[in-house]
N, C-alpha and C. Protein backbone atom coordinates (compact mmCIF):
# COMPACT_ATOMS: atom_id res chain seq x y z
N MET A 1 -5.72 -31.74 82.95
CA MET A 1 -5.58 -32.47 81.71
C MET A 1 -4.61 -33.62 81.89
N TYR A 2 -5.00 -34.79 81.47
CA TYR A 2 -4.11 -35.94 81.54
C TYR A 2 -3.17 -35.94 80.34
N GLN A 3 -1.91 -36.23 80.60
CA GLN A 3 -0.92 -36.27 79.53
C GLN A 3 -0.41 -37.68 79.25
N HIS A 4 -0.47 -38.55 80.27
CA HIS A 4 0.03 -39.92 80.11
C HIS A 4 -0.91 -40.88 80.84
N ILE A 5 -1.59 -41.70 80.07
CA ILE A 5 -2.54 -42.66 80.62
C ILE A 5 -1.93 -44.06 80.51
N LEU A 6 -1.88 -44.74 81.64
CA LEU A 6 -1.38 -46.12 81.67
C LEU A 6 -2.57 -47.06 81.82
N LEU A 7 -2.77 -47.89 80.83
CA LEU A 7 -3.86 -48.86 80.80
C LEU A 7 -3.35 -50.21 81.26
N ALA A 8 -3.92 -50.72 82.35
CA ALA A 8 -3.57 -52.05 82.85
C ALA A 8 -4.59 -53.05 82.31
N VAL A 9 -4.10 -54.03 81.57
CA VAL A 9 -4.98 -55.04 80.98
C VAL A 9 -4.68 -56.39 81.60
N ASP A 10 -5.75 -57.18 81.77
CA ASP A 10 -5.57 -58.51 82.34
C ASP A 10 -5.99 -59.62 81.37
N PHE A 11 -6.51 -59.25 80.20
CA PHE A 11 -6.92 -60.19 79.16
C PHE A 11 -8.04 -61.12 79.62
N PHE A 12 -8.89 -60.63 80.51
CA PHE A 12 -10.06 -61.39 80.90
C PHE A 12 -11.24 -61.01 80.01
N GLU A 13 -12.37 -61.62 80.26
CA GLU A 13 -13.54 -61.54 79.39
C GLU A 13 -13.97 -60.12 79.02
N HIS A 14 -14.03 -59.20 79.95
CA HIS A 14 -14.58 -57.88 79.68
C HIS A 14 -13.51 -56.80 79.49
N ASP A 15 -12.32 -57.20 79.12
CA ASP A 15 -11.21 -56.25 78.95
C ASP A 15 -11.51 -55.15 77.95
N GLN A 16 -12.30 -55.46 76.92
CA GLN A 16 -12.55 -54.48 75.87
C GLN A 16 -13.24 -53.23 76.41
N ILE A 17 -14.05 -53.37 77.44
CA ILE A 17 -14.71 -52.22 78.06
C ILE A 17 -13.67 -51.26 78.61
N VAL A 18 -12.68 -51.80 79.29
CA VAL A 18 -11.62 -51.00 79.89
C VAL A 18 -10.75 -50.38 78.80
N ILE A 19 -10.42 -51.17 77.79
CA ILE A 19 -9.60 -50.70 76.68
C ILE A 19 -10.29 -49.53 75.97
N ASP A 20 -11.57 -49.68 75.68
CA ASP A 20 -12.31 -48.62 75.00
C ASP A 20 -12.36 -47.34 75.82
N ARG A 21 -12.51 -47.47 77.13
CA ARG A 21 -12.55 -46.28 77.99
C ARG A 21 -11.21 -45.56 77.98
N ALA A 22 -10.12 -46.31 78.09
CA ALA A 22 -8.78 -45.70 78.09
C ALA A 22 -8.50 -45.05 76.73
N LYS A 23 -8.88 -45.72 75.66
CA LYS A 23 -8.67 -45.18 74.31
C LYS A 23 -9.43 -43.87 74.13
N ALA A 24 -10.67 -43.83 74.59
CA ALA A 24 -11.48 -42.61 74.47
C ALA A 24 -10.89 -41.47 75.30
N LEU A 25 -10.42 -41.78 76.50
CA LEU A 25 -9.81 -40.75 77.34
C LEU A 25 -8.52 -40.21 76.71
N ALA A 26 -7.70 -41.10 76.18
CA ALA A 26 -6.46 -40.67 75.54
C ALA A 26 -6.76 -39.77 74.35
N ALA A 27 -7.77 -40.12 73.57
CA ALA A 27 -8.14 -39.29 72.43
C ALA A 27 -8.70 -37.94 72.89
N SER A 28 -9.54 -37.98 73.90
CA SER A 28 -10.16 -36.76 74.41
C SER A 28 -9.13 -35.78 74.96
N TYR A 29 -8.15 -36.28 75.70
CA TYR A 29 -7.13 -35.44 76.31
C TYR A 29 -5.88 -35.29 75.44
N GLN A 30 -5.86 -35.96 74.29
CA GLN A 30 -4.68 -35.99 73.43
C GLN A 30 -3.46 -36.43 74.25
N ALA A 31 -3.68 -37.47 75.04
CA ALA A 31 -2.65 -37.98 75.95
C ALA A 31 -1.95 -39.19 75.35
N LYS A 32 -0.74 -39.41 75.80
CA LYS A 32 0.00 -40.62 75.43
C LYS A 32 -0.67 -41.79 76.14
N LEU A 33 -0.83 -42.90 75.44
CA LEU A 33 -1.40 -44.11 76.01
C LEU A 33 -0.32 -45.17 76.10
N SER A 34 -0.15 -45.75 77.30
CA SER A 34 0.79 -46.85 77.51
C SER A 34 0.02 -48.06 78.02
N LEU A 35 0.63 -49.22 77.88
CA LEU A 35 -0.01 -50.48 78.29
C LEU A 35 0.87 -51.23 79.27
N ILE A 36 0.21 -51.90 80.21
CA ILE A 36 0.92 -52.80 81.12
C ILE A 36 0.07 -54.04 81.36
N HIS A 37 0.77 -55.17 81.43
CA HIS A 37 0.15 -56.43 81.84
C HIS A 37 1.13 -57.09 82.80
N VAL A 38 0.60 -57.66 83.85
CA VAL A 38 1.45 -58.34 84.84
C VAL A 38 1.04 -59.80 84.92
N VAL A 39 2.04 -60.66 84.74
CA VAL A 39 1.84 -62.11 84.90
C VAL A 39 2.14 -62.43 86.36
N ASP A 40 1.17 -62.97 87.03
CA ASP A 40 1.33 -63.32 88.44
C ASP A 40 2.38 -64.42 88.56
N ASN A 41 3.35 -64.23 89.44
CA ASN A 41 4.41 -65.22 89.58
C ASN A 41 4.20 -66.14 90.78
N THR A 42 2.97 -66.25 91.25
CA THR A 42 2.67 -67.16 92.34
C THR A 42 2.90 -68.59 91.86
N PRO A 43 3.74 -69.36 92.56
CA PRO A 43 4.01 -70.73 92.11
C PRO A 43 2.76 -71.60 92.24
N MET A 44 2.59 -72.46 91.27
CA MET A 44 1.45 -73.38 91.31
C MET A 44 1.85 -74.60 92.13
N VAL A 45 0.92 -75.08 92.93
CA VAL A 45 1.20 -76.22 93.79
C VAL A 45 0.18 -77.31 93.52
N ASP A 46 0.65 -78.52 93.42
CA ASP A 46 -0.21 -79.67 93.22
C ASP A 46 -0.43 -80.31 94.59
N ALA A 47 -1.67 -80.32 95.05
CA ALA A 47 -1.98 -80.86 96.37
C ALA A 47 -1.56 -82.32 96.52
N GLY A 48 -1.50 -83.04 95.42
CA GLY A 48 -1.10 -84.44 95.46
C GLY A 48 0.36 -84.63 95.83
N TYR A 49 1.15 -83.59 95.64
CA TYR A 49 2.58 -83.66 95.95
C TYR A 49 2.95 -82.82 97.16
N GLY A 50 1.97 -82.40 97.93
CA GLY A 50 2.26 -81.56 99.10
C GLY A 50 2.60 -80.15 98.66
N ASP A 51 3.67 -79.61 99.16
CA ASP A 51 4.05 -78.23 98.85
C ASP A 51 5.03 -78.13 97.68
N MET A 52 5.20 -79.20 96.94
CA MET A 52 6.16 -79.20 95.84
C MET A 52 5.53 -78.55 94.60
N PRO A 53 6.20 -77.55 94.00
CA PRO A 53 5.66 -76.93 92.79
C PRO A 53 5.61 -77.94 91.64
N TYR A 54 4.78 -77.65 90.65
CA TYR A 54 4.73 -78.50 89.46
C TYR A 54 6.12 -78.60 88.86
N PRO A 55 6.43 -79.72 88.25
CA PRO A 55 7.77 -79.89 87.67
C PRO A 55 8.00 -79.07 86.40
N ILE A 56 6.96 -78.44 85.87
CA ILE A 56 7.15 -77.63 84.67
C ILE A 56 7.08 -76.15 85.03
N ASP A 57 7.80 -75.35 84.29
CA ASP A 57 7.81 -73.92 84.52
C ASP A 57 6.84 -73.26 83.54
N LEU A 58 5.68 -72.87 84.05
CA LEU A 58 4.68 -72.24 83.20
C LEU A 58 4.97 -70.76 83.01
N GLY A 59 5.86 -70.20 83.82
CA GLY A 59 6.14 -68.77 83.76
C GLY A 59 6.56 -68.30 82.39
N ASN A 60 7.49 -69.00 81.76
CA ASN A 60 7.97 -68.59 80.44
C ASN A 60 6.87 -68.69 79.39
N GLU A 61 6.06 -69.75 79.48
CA GLU A 61 4.96 -69.90 78.53
C GLU A 61 3.92 -68.80 78.72
N LEU A 62 3.58 -68.50 79.97
CA LEU A 62 2.60 -67.44 80.24
C LEU A 62 3.12 -66.08 79.77
N MET A 63 4.40 -65.82 79.98
CA MET A 63 5.00 -64.56 79.54
C MET A 63 4.95 -64.45 78.01
N ALA A 64 5.24 -65.54 77.32
CA ALA A 64 5.22 -65.52 75.85
C ALA A 64 3.81 -65.26 75.32
N ILE A 65 2.83 -65.92 75.91
CA ILE A 65 1.44 -65.71 75.49
C ILE A 65 1.01 -64.27 75.77
N ALA A 66 1.33 -63.78 76.96
CA ALA A 66 0.96 -62.42 77.33
C ALA A 66 1.65 -61.41 76.42
N GLN A 67 2.91 -61.66 76.09
CA GLN A 67 3.64 -60.74 75.22
C GLN A 67 2.98 -60.64 73.85
N ALA A 68 2.57 -61.78 73.31
CA ALA A 68 1.91 -61.78 71.99
C ALA A 68 0.59 -60.99 72.06
N LYS A 69 -0.19 -61.22 73.11
CA LYS A 69 -1.46 -60.50 73.26
C LYS A 69 -1.22 -59.00 73.45
N LEU A 70 -0.24 -58.66 74.24
CA LEU A 70 0.06 -57.26 74.52
C LEU A 70 0.51 -56.53 73.25
N HIS A 71 1.35 -57.17 72.46
CA HIS A 71 1.81 -56.54 71.22
C HIS A 71 0.68 -56.42 70.20
N LYS A 72 -0.21 -57.39 70.16
CA LYS A 72 -1.37 -57.31 69.26
C LYS A 72 -2.26 -56.13 69.66
N LEU A 73 -2.49 -55.98 70.96
CA LEU A 73 -3.30 -54.86 71.45
C LEU A 73 -2.61 -53.53 71.17
N ALA A 74 -1.30 -53.48 71.40
CA ALA A 74 -0.54 -52.25 71.15
C ALA A 74 -0.66 -51.84 69.69
N ALA A 75 -0.57 -52.80 68.79
CA ALA A 75 -0.69 -52.49 67.36
C ALA A 75 -2.08 -51.94 67.05
N ALA A 76 -3.11 -52.52 67.64
CA ALA A 76 -4.48 -52.06 67.40
C ALA A 76 -4.71 -50.65 67.93
N LEU A 77 -4.01 -50.30 69.00
CA LEU A 77 -4.18 -48.98 69.63
C LEU A 77 -3.10 -47.98 69.19
N ALA A 78 -2.21 -48.40 68.32
CA ALA A 78 -1.10 -47.56 67.86
C ALA A 78 -0.22 -47.09 69.03
N VAL A 79 0.04 -48.02 69.95
CA VAL A 79 0.92 -47.73 71.09
C VAL A 79 2.33 -48.17 70.72
N ALA A 80 3.29 -47.28 70.92
CA ALA A 80 4.69 -47.56 70.56
C ALA A 80 5.27 -48.66 71.43
N GLU A 81 6.22 -49.38 70.88
CA GLU A 81 6.92 -50.46 71.61
C GLU A 81 7.50 -49.97 72.94
N ALA A 82 8.00 -48.75 72.95
CA ALA A 82 8.61 -48.19 74.16
C ALA A 82 7.59 -47.90 75.26
N ASP A 83 6.31 -47.97 74.92
CA ASP A 83 5.24 -47.66 75.88
C ASP A 83 4.45 -48.90 76.29
N ILE A 84 5.11 -50.05 76.21
CA ILE A 84 4.50 -51.33 76.58
C ILE A 84 5.33 -51.95 77.69
N TRP A 85 4.64 -52.40 78.75
CA TRP A 85 5.34 -53.08 79.85
C TRP A 85 4.69 -54.41 80.11
N LEU A 86 5.52 -55.45 80.12
CA LEU A 86 5.11 -56.79 80.52
C LEU A 86 5.96 -57.14 81.73
N GLU A 87 5.30 -57.28 82.86
CA GLU A 87 6.01 -57.51 84.11
C GLU A 87 5.56 -58.83 84.72
N SER A 88 6.35 -59.32 85.66
CA SER A 88 6.03 -60.52 86.40
C SER A 88 6.08 -60.18 87.88
N GLY A 89 5.10 -60.64 88.63
CA GLY A 89 5.08 -60.37 90.06
C GLY A 89 3.69 -60.08 90.55
N SER A 90 3.60 -59.26 91.56
CA SER A 90 2.32 -58.85 92.14
C SER A 90 1.73 -57.76 91.25
N ALA A 91 0.52 -57.99 90.75
CA ALA A 91 -0.08 -57.06 89.79
C ALA A 91 -0.15 -55.63 90.33
N HIS A 92 -0.69 -55.45 91.52
CA HIS A 92 -0.86 -54.08 92.00
C HIS A 92 0.49 -53.41 92.25
N GLN A 93 1.45 -54.14 92.76
CA GLN A 93 2.76 -53.54 93.02
C GLN A 93 3.46 -53.14 91.72
N GLU A 94 3.42 -54.00 90.73
CA GLU A 94 4.09 -53.71 89.46
C GLU A 94 3.41 -52.57 88.71
N ILE A 95 2.09 -52.55 88.72
CA ILE A 95 1.36 -51.48 88.04
C ILE A 95 1.65 -50.14 88.68
N VAL A 96 1.60 -50.08 90.00
CA VAL A 96 1.89 -48.83 90.71
C VAL A 96 3.33 -48.40 90.47
N ARG A 97 4.27 -49.35 90.49
CA ARG A 97 5.68 -49.03 90.27
C ARG A 97 5.91 -48.44 88.88
N VAL A 98 5.38 -49.10 87.86
CA VAL A 98 5.58 -48.63 86.48
C VAL A 98 4.90 -47.27 86.29
N ALA A 99 3.72 -47.09 86.84
CA ALA A 99 3.02 -45.80 86.72
C ALA A 99 3.88 -44.68 87.30
N GLN A 100 4.48 -44.94 88.44
CA GLN A 100 5.32 -43.93 89.09
C GLN A 100 6.59 -43.69 88.27
N GLU A 101 7.26 -44.75 87.86
CA GLU A 101 8.50 -44.61 87.10
C GLU A 101 8.29 -43.89 85.77
N GLN A 102 7.15 -44.15 85.14
CA GLN A 102 6.89 -43.56 83.82
C GLN A 102 6.09 -42.26 83.91
N GLN A 103 5.84 -41.81 85.12
CA GLN A 103 5.15 -40.56 85.39
C GLN A 103 3.78 -40.49 84.73
N ALA A 104 3.05 -41.60 84.81
CA ALA A 104 1.67 -41.60 84.32
C ALA A 104 0.84 -40.75 85.27
N ASP A 105 -0.11 -40.01 84.72
CA ASP A 105 -0.96 -39.21 85.59
C ASP A 105 -2.38 -39.77 85.70
N LEU A 106 -2.63 -40.88 84.98
CA LEU A 106 -3.90 -41.59 85.13
C LEU A 106 -3.66 -43.06 84.88
N LEU A 107 -4.14 -43.88 85.79
CA LEU A 107 -4.13 -45.34 85.64
C LEU A 107 -5.56 -45.77 85.33
N VAL A 108 -5.75 -46.61 84.33
CA VAL A 108 -7.07 -47.13 84.00
C VAL A 108 -7.03 -48.63 84.21
N VAL A 109 -7.92 -49.12 85.08
CA VAL A 109 -7.99 -50.55 85.41
C VAL A 109 -9.44 -51.00 85.42
N GLY A 110 -9.65 -52.29 85.24
CA GLY A 110 -10.98 -52.86 85.36
C GLY A 110 -11.23 -53.28 86.78
N SER A 111 -12.49 -53.22 87.20
CA SER A 111 -12.84 -53.60 88.56
C SER A 111 -14.11 -54.45 88.54
N HIS A 112 -13.97 -55.67 89.01
CA HIS A 112 -15.12 -56.56 89.14
C HIS A 112 -15.79 -56.31 90.48
N GLY A 113 -17.08 -56.48 90.54
CA GLY A 113 -17.76 -56.39 91.83
C GLY A 113 -17.30 -57.54 92.71
N ARG A 114 -17.00 -57.27 93.95
CA ARG A 114 -16.53 -58.32 94.86
C ARG A 114 -17.59 -58.57 95.92
N HIS A 115 -17.71 -59.82 96.27
CA HIS A 115 -18.68 -60.23 97.28
C HIS A 115 -18.01 -61.22 98.22
N GLY A 116 -18.51 -61.31 99.42
CA GLY A 116 -18.04 -62.32 100.37
C GLY A 116 -16.56 -62.20 100.67
N LEU A 117 -15.86 -63.33 100.61
CA LEU A 117 -14.44 -63.41 100.96
C LEU A 117 -13.59 -62.51 100.05
N ALA A 118 -13.92 -62.44 98.77
CA ALA A 118 -13.14 -61.59 97.84
C ALA A 118 -13.22 -60.13 98.27
N LEU A 119 -14.35 -59.70 98.81
CA LEU A 119 -14.49 -58.32 99.28
C LEU A 119 -13.58 -58.07 100.47
N LEU A 120 -13.50 -59.03 101.38
CA LEU A 120 -12.64 -58.88 102.56
C LEU A 120 -11.16 -58.88 102.19
N LEU A 121 -10.78 -59.68 101.21
CA LEU A 121 -9.38 -59.79 100.82
C LEU A 121 -8.93 -58.64 99.93
N GLY A 122 -9.89 -57.95 99.31
CA GLY A 122 -9.54 -56.84 98.44
C GLY A 122 -9.30 -57.32 97.03
N SER A 123 -8.97 -56.40 96.17
CA SER A 123 -8.73 -56.73 94.77
C SER A 123 -7.55 -55.92 94.26
N THR A 124 -7.11 -56.27 93.08
CA THR A 124 -6.01 -55.54 92.47
C THR A 124 -6.38 -54.08 92.28
N ALA A 125 -7.58 -53.81 91.75
CA ALA A 125 -8.00 -52.42 91.53
C ALA A 125 -8.03 -51.64 92.84
N ASN A 126 -8.51 -52.26 93.91
CA ASN A 126 -8.57 -51.60 95.20
C ASN A 126 -7.17 -51.29 95.73
N SER A 127 -6.26 -52.23 95.59
CA SER A 127 -4.89 -52.00 96.03
C SER A 127 -4.22 -50.88 95.23
N ILE A 128 -4.47 -50.86 93.93
CA ILE A 128 -3.92 -49.81 93.08
C ILE A 128 -4.47 -48.45 93.52
N LEU A 129 -5.76 -48.40 93.76
CA LEU A 129 -6.41 -47.16 94.18
C LEU A 129 -5.77 -46.60 95.44
N HIS A 130 -5.43 -47.46 96.38
CA HIS A 130 -4.87 -47.01 97.65
C HIS A 130 -3.37 -46.73 97.63
N HIS A 131 -2.66 -47.23 96.62
CA HIS A 131 -1.20 -47.07 96.61
C HIS A 131 -0.67 -46.19 95.48
N ALA A 132 -1.46 -45.94 94.47
CA ALA A 132 -0.99 -45.14 93.33
C ALA A 132 -0.84 -43.68 93.75
N ARG A 133 0.14 -43.03 93.15
CA ARG A 133 0.38 -41.61 93.41
C ARG A 133 -0.28 -40.73 92.36
N CYS A 134 -1.00 -41.35 91.44
CA CYS A 134 -1.71 -40.59 90.41
C CYS A 134 -3.18 -40.95 90.47
N ASP A 135 -3.99 -40.31 89.64
CA ASP A 135 -5.41 -40.62 89.59
C ASP A 135 -5.61 -42.05 89.07
N VAL A 136 -6.68 -42.67 89.53
CA VAL A 136 -7.01 -44.03 89.10
C VAL A 136 -8.46 -44.07 88.67
N LEU A 137 -8.70 -44.58 87.48
CA LEU A 137 -10.06 -44.82 87.01
C LEU A 137 -10.29 -46.32 87.05
N ALA A 138 -11.17 -46.74 87.94
CA ALA A 138 -11.54 -48.15 88.03
C ALA A 138 -12.84 -48.33 87.26
N VAL A 139 -12.75 -48.91 86.09
CA VAL A 139 -13.90 -49.11 85.22
C VAL A 139 -14.68 -50.31 85.72
N ARG A 140 -15.92 -50.06 86.08
CA ARG A 140 -16.77 -51.13 86.62
C ARG A 140 -17.11 -52.12 85.52
N LEU A 141 -16.80 -53.39 85.76
CA LEU A 141 -17.07 -54.45 84.81
C LEU A 141 -18.31 -55.22 85.24
N PRO A 142 -19.01 -55.81 84.27
CA PRO A 142 -20.20 -56.60 84.64
C PRO A 142 -19.84 -57.74 85.57
N ASP A 143 -20.74 -58.03 86.52
CA ASP A 143 -20.52 -59.16 87.42
C ASP A 143 -20.56 -60.46 86.63
N GLN A 144 -19.76 -61.40 87.06
CA GLN A 144 -19.74 -62.71 86.43
C GLN A 144 -20.96 -63.50 86.89
N PRO A 145 -21.61 -64.23 85.98
CA PRO A 145 -22.76 -65.04 86.39
C PRO A 145 -22.32 -66.16 87.34
N ALA A 146 -23.19 -66.51 88.26
CA ALA A 146 -22.87 -67.58 89.21
C ALA A 146 -22.75 -68.91 88.46
N ALA A 147 -21.82 -69.72 88.89
CA ALA A 147 -21.58 -71.01 88.22
C ALA A 147 -22.60 -72.05 88.61
C-alpha cells in the first residue's frame, strides 16, 4: 500500500493525464499526495554573443510563474502548502532527492516516447526510474505530432 505519493509536474501539454493518474492512486490508497516542480537552471546562451549568458535573469521570473501554477494545482488537488516543492536545478536529481527526503513511496511522472537522439540521451523519467529508491510510475504520454 502506498502511503505517500509524490507527483512531479512539468506543466507541459499533457500534464493533466499524469495529474489524474496520481490523484486516482492517492484516493485509491488513501495516500498523502505531494507535488514537485523543478525549474531547470541551465543558463541560456545567445549564439550571437558567444558563450555569454543573456543579460537578463529569467530564473526569478520562471520561478514566480511556476510557483503560481504549482499553488493553483495544489489548491485544486487539496494538497497542503507543506507538501509542495518548487526546486531549481536538474529535474531528475531534485525529484529523486525530495522523494527520498520526504520518504515518498511512489513517484508519479510523465514519460514521452523518445526517438533518435533523445532516446540515446535519455529522459528525466528514465533517470528518475534508475535513481529513485522508491517505486516509480512513468505515465505514458501521447507522442507529440511532427512539426
